[in-house]
N, C-alpha and C. Protein backbone atom coordinates (compact mmCIF):
# COMPACT_ATOMS: atom_id res chain seq x y z
N UNK A 1 0.85 -1.17 0.00
CA UNK A 1 0.00 0.00 0.00
C UNK A 1 0.89 1.24 0.00
N UNK A 2 0.51 2.24 -0.76
CA UNK A 2 1.28 3.48 -0.83
C UNK A 2 0.72 4.46 0.21
N UNK A 3 1.60 5.06 1.00
CA UNK A 3 1.20 5.99 2.06
C UNK A 3 1.86 7.34 1.86
N UNK A 4 1.07 8.41 2.06
CA UNK A 4 1.58 9.77 2.12
C UNK A 4 1.06 10.40 3.40
N UNK A 5 1.96 10.97 4.20
CA UNK A 5 1.58 11.74 5.39
C UNK A 5 2.01 13.17 5.12
N UNK A 6 1.02 14.07 5.07
CA UNK A 6 1.27 15.44 4.64
C UNK A 6 0.80 16.42 5.73
N UNK A 7 1.64 17.43 6.02
CA UNK A 7 1.25 18.51 6.92
C UNK A 7 1.24 19.81 6.10
N UNK A 8 0.87 20.90 6.75
CA UNK A 8 0.89 22.19 6.06
C UNK A 8 2.30 22.59 5.64
N UNK A 9 3.30 22.16 6.42
CA UNK A 9 4.69 22.56 6.16
C UNK A 9 5.42 21.68 5.16
N UNK A 10 5.14 20.35 5.22
CA UNK A 10 5.93 19.45 4.37
C UNK A 10 5.30 18.07 4.28
N UNK A 11 5.87 17.23 3.42
CA UNK A 11 5.50 15.82 3.34
C UNK A 11 6.37 15.08 4.36
N UNK A 12 5.74 14.49 5.38
CA UNK A 12 6.49 13.78 6.42
C UNK A 12 6.95 12.41 5.96
N UNK A 13 6.12 11.75 5.15
CA UNK A 13 6.45 10.39 4.72
C UNK A 13 5.77 10.13 3.39
N UNK A 14 6.47 9.40 2.51
CA UNK A 14 5.88 8.90 1.28
C UNK A 14 6.59 7.61 0.91
N UNK A 15 5.82 6.54 0.74
CA UNK A 15 6.42 5.27 0.36
C UNK A 15 5.48 4.10 0.52
N UNK A 16 5.99 2.93 0.20
CA UNK A 16 5.23 1.68 0.32
C UNK A 16 5.33 1.15 1.75
N UNK A 17 4.19 0.69 2.30
CA UNK A 17 4.15 0.20 3.67
C UNK A 17 3.36 -1.10 3.73
N UNK A 18 3.57 -1.85 4.84
CA UNK A 18 2.82 -3.09 5.06
C UNK A 18 1.53 -2.83 5.84
N UNK A 19 1.61 -1.93 6.84
CA UNK A 19 0.42 -1.60 7.63
C UNK A 19 0.60 -0.24 8.28
N UNK A 20 -0.54 0.35 8.68
CA UNK A 20 -0.53 1.65 9.34
C UNK A 20 -1.57 1.63 10.45
N UNK A 21 -1.16 1.99 11.68
CA UNK A 21 -2.09 2.14 12.80
C UNK A 21 -2.38 3.62 12.97
N UNK A 22 -3.67 3.95 13.08
CA UNK A 22 -4.10 5.35 13.11
C UNK A 22 -4.96 5.64 14.33
N UNK A 23 -4.85 6.86 14.90
CA UNK A 23 -5.67 7.24 16.05
C UNK A 23 -7.01 7.85 15.61
N UNK A 24 -7.97 7.02 15.23
CA UNK A 24 -9.27 7.50 14.78
C UNK A 24 -10.04 8.17 15.90
N UNK A 25 -10.94 9.07 15.56
CA UNK A 25 -11.71 9.78 16.58
C UNK A 25 -12.65 8.85 17.34
N UNK A 26 -13.02 7.73 16.77
CA UNK A 26 -13.88 6.75 17.46
C UNK A 26 -13.08 5.53 17.89
N UNK A 27 -11.77 5.68 17.97
CA UNK A 27 -10.89 4.59 18.38
C UNK A 27 -9.84 4.31 17.33
N UNK A 28 -8.72 3.78 17.78
CA UNK A 28 -7.63 3.50 16.84
C UNK A 28 -7.99 2.33 15.94
N UNK A 29 -7.40 2.33 14.74
CA UNK A 29 -7.63 1.23 13.80
C UNK A 29 -6.38 1.04 12.96
N UNK A 30 -6.31 -0.13 12.32
CA UNK A 30 -5.16 -0.48 11.50
C UNK A 30 -5.61 -0.72 10.07
N UNK A 31 -4.82 -0.26 9.12
CA UNK A 31 -5.11 -0.47 7.70
C UNK A 31 -4.00 -1.32 7.09
N UNK A 32 -4.41 -2.32 6.35
CA UNK A 32 -3.49 -3.22 5.65
C UNK A 32 -3.71 -3.09 4.14
N UNK A 33 -2.91 -3.79 3.38
CA UNK A 33 -3.05 -3.82 1.93
C UNK A 33 -4.47 -4.26 1.56
N UNK A 34 -5.04 -3.68 0.51
CA UNK A 34 -6.39 -3.99 0.03
C UNK A 34 -7.49 -3.61 1.02
N UNK A 35 -7.23 -2.62 1.87
CA UNK A 35 -8.24 -2.14 2.81
C UNK A 35 -9.41 -1.54 2.04
N UNK A 36 -10.61 -1.66 2.60
CA UNK A 36 -11.79 -1.06 1.98
C UNK A 36 -11.64 0.45 1.93
N UNK A 37 -12.28 1.06 0.96
CA UNK A 37 -12.25 2.52 0.84
C UNK A 37 -12.85 3.15 2.09
N UNK A 38 -12.19 4.21 2.60
CA UNK A 38 -12.65 4.86 3.83
C UNK A 38 -12.13 6.28 3.88
N UNK A 39 -12.92 7.14 4.51
CA UNK A 39 -12.47 8.48 4.90
C UNK A 39 -12.80 8.60 6.38
N UNK A 40 -11.82 9.02 7.19
CA UNK A 40 -12.02 9.10 8.63
C UNK A 40 -11.28 10.29 9.21
N UNK A 41 -11.80 10.82 10.32
CA UNK A 41 -11.10 11.87 11.05
C UNK A 41 -10.18 11.23 12.07
N UNK A 42 -9.10 11.95 12.40
CA UNK A 42 -8.10 11.44 13.32
C UNK A 42 -7.96 12.37 14.52
N UNK A 43 -7.71 11.78 15.69
CA UNK A 43 -7.47 12.52 16.92
C UNK A 43 -5.98 12.64 17.17
N UNK A 44 -5.64 13.33 18.24
CA UNK A 44 -4.24 13.42 18.66
C UNK A 44 -3.74 12.04 19.03
N UNK A 45 -2.53 11.73 18.58
CA UNK A 45 -1.94 10.43 18.87
C UNK A 45 -0.81 10.12 17.92
N UNK A 46 -0.47 8.83 17.86
CA UNK A 46 0.63 8.38 17.01
C UNK A 46 0.13 7.58 15.82
N UNK A 47 0.73 7.86 14.67
CA UNK A 47 0.57 7.02 13.50
C UNK A 47 1.76 6.08 13.50
N UNK A 48 1.51 4.78 13.48
CA UNK A 48 2.58 3.79 13.48
C UNK A 48 2.63 3.14 12.10
N UNK A 49 3.74 3.34 11.40
CA UNK A 49 3.94 2.83 10.05
C UNK A 49 4.86 1.62 10.13
N UNK A 50 4.42 0.50 9.55
CA UNK A 50 5.24 -0.72 9.56
C UNK A 50 5.67 -1.04 8.14
N UNK A 51 7.00 -1.16 7.98
CA UNK A 51 7.60 -1.57 6.71
C UNK A 51 8.50 -2.76 7.03
N UNK A 52 8.04 -3.96 6.70
CA UNK A 52 8.81 -5.16 7.06
C UNK A 52 8.89 -5.28 8.57
N UNK A 53 10.11 -5.32 9.10
CA UNK A 53 10.28 -5.42 10.55
C UNK A 53 10.47 -4.05 11.21
N UNK A 54 10.54 -3.00 10.42
CA UNK A 54 10.76 -1.65 10.95
C UNK A 54 9.43 -0.93 11.23
N UNK A 55 9.39 -0.22 12.36
CA UNK A 55 8.23 0.60 12.71
C UNK A 55 8.68 2.04 12.88
N UNK A 56 7.89 2.97 12.34
CA UNK A 56 8.16 4.40 12.46
C UNK A 56 6.93 5.08 13.03
N UNK A 57 7.12 5.98 14.00
CA UNK A 57 6.03 6.71 14.64
C UNK A 57 6.00 8.15 14.19
N UNK A 58 4.80 8.66 13.97
CA UNK A 58 4.59 10.07 13.66
C UNK A 58 3.52 10.58 14.62
N UNK A 59 3.84 11.59 15.41
CA UNK A 59 2.87 12.15 16.35
C UNK A 59 2.07 13.25 15.65
N UNK A 60 0.74 13.18 15.79
CA UNK A 60 -0.13 14.18 15.18
C UNK A 60 -1.07 14.78 16.22
N UNK A 61 -1.58 15.95 15.93
CA UNK A 61 -2.58 16.62 16.79
C UNK A 61 -3.99 16.28 16.33
N UNK A 62 -4.20 16.22 15.03
CA UNK A 62 -5.49 15.86 14.43
C UNK A 62 -5.26 15.65 12.94
N UNK A 63 -6.30 15.18 12.25
CA UNK A 63 -6.14 15.00 10.82
C UNK A 63 -7.30 14.27 10.18
N UNK A 64 -7.09 13.95 8.91
CA UNK A 64 -8.06 13.21 8.10
C UNK A 64 -7.28 12.17 7.30
N UNK A 65 -7.87 11.00 7.13
CA UNK A 65 -7.24 9.97 6.32
C UNK A 65 -8.22 9.50 5.25
N UNK A 66 -7.69 9.26 4.05
CA UNK A 66 -8.47 8.68 2.97
C UNK A 66 -7.71 7.45 2.46
N UNK A 67 -8.42 6.35 2.33
CA UNK A 67 -7.84 5.12 1.77
C UNK A 67 -8.69 4.75 0.56
N UNK A 68 -8.02 4.59 -0.59
CA UNK A 68 -8.72 4.24 -1.82
C UNK A 68 -7.77 3.52 -2.75
N UNK A 69 -8.11 2.32 -3.15
CA UNK A 69 -7.34 1.54 -4.12
C UNK A 69 -5.87 1.43 -3.74
N UNK A 70 -5.60 0.98 -2.51
CA UNK A 70 -4.24 0.76 -1.98
C UNK A 70 -3.39 2.02 -1.93
N UNK A 71 -4.04 3.17 -1.81
CA UNK A 71 -3.34 4.43 -1.61
C UNK A 71 -3.96 5.12 -0.39
N UNK A 72 -3.12 5.48 0.58
CA UNK A 72 -3.58 6.15 1.79
C UNK A 72 -2.94 7.53 1.85
N UNK A 73 -3.80 8.55 2.07
CA UNK A 73 -3.31 9.91 2.23
C UNK A 73 -3.77 10.40 3.60
N UNK A 74 -2.82 10.84 4.42
CA UNK A 74 -3.11 11.40 5.74
C UNK A 74 -2.78 12.88 5.68
N UNK A 75 -3.76 13.73 5.97
CA UNK A 75 -3.55 15.16 6.09
C UNK A 75 -3.58 15.48 7.57
N UNK A 76 -2.45 15.93 8.10
CA UNK A 76 -2.35 16.15 9.56
C UNK A 76 -1.96 17.58 9.86
């Protein structure tokens, strides 16, 4: 799945990932390859990006995520 994490200042991350854990406003959730299409709001918390055995954390205050056809865009 292709992931982009974008803020007003810059692109924090862009690349292929195995999974992403997100702090949704109604509870955290995880997105994997071939996830159903979704648009959701995000609360303050950590986005955890997994690429193979490596995990990377991005702390956000709030945001929106869109997942469509194996492409995820996070606006934070």
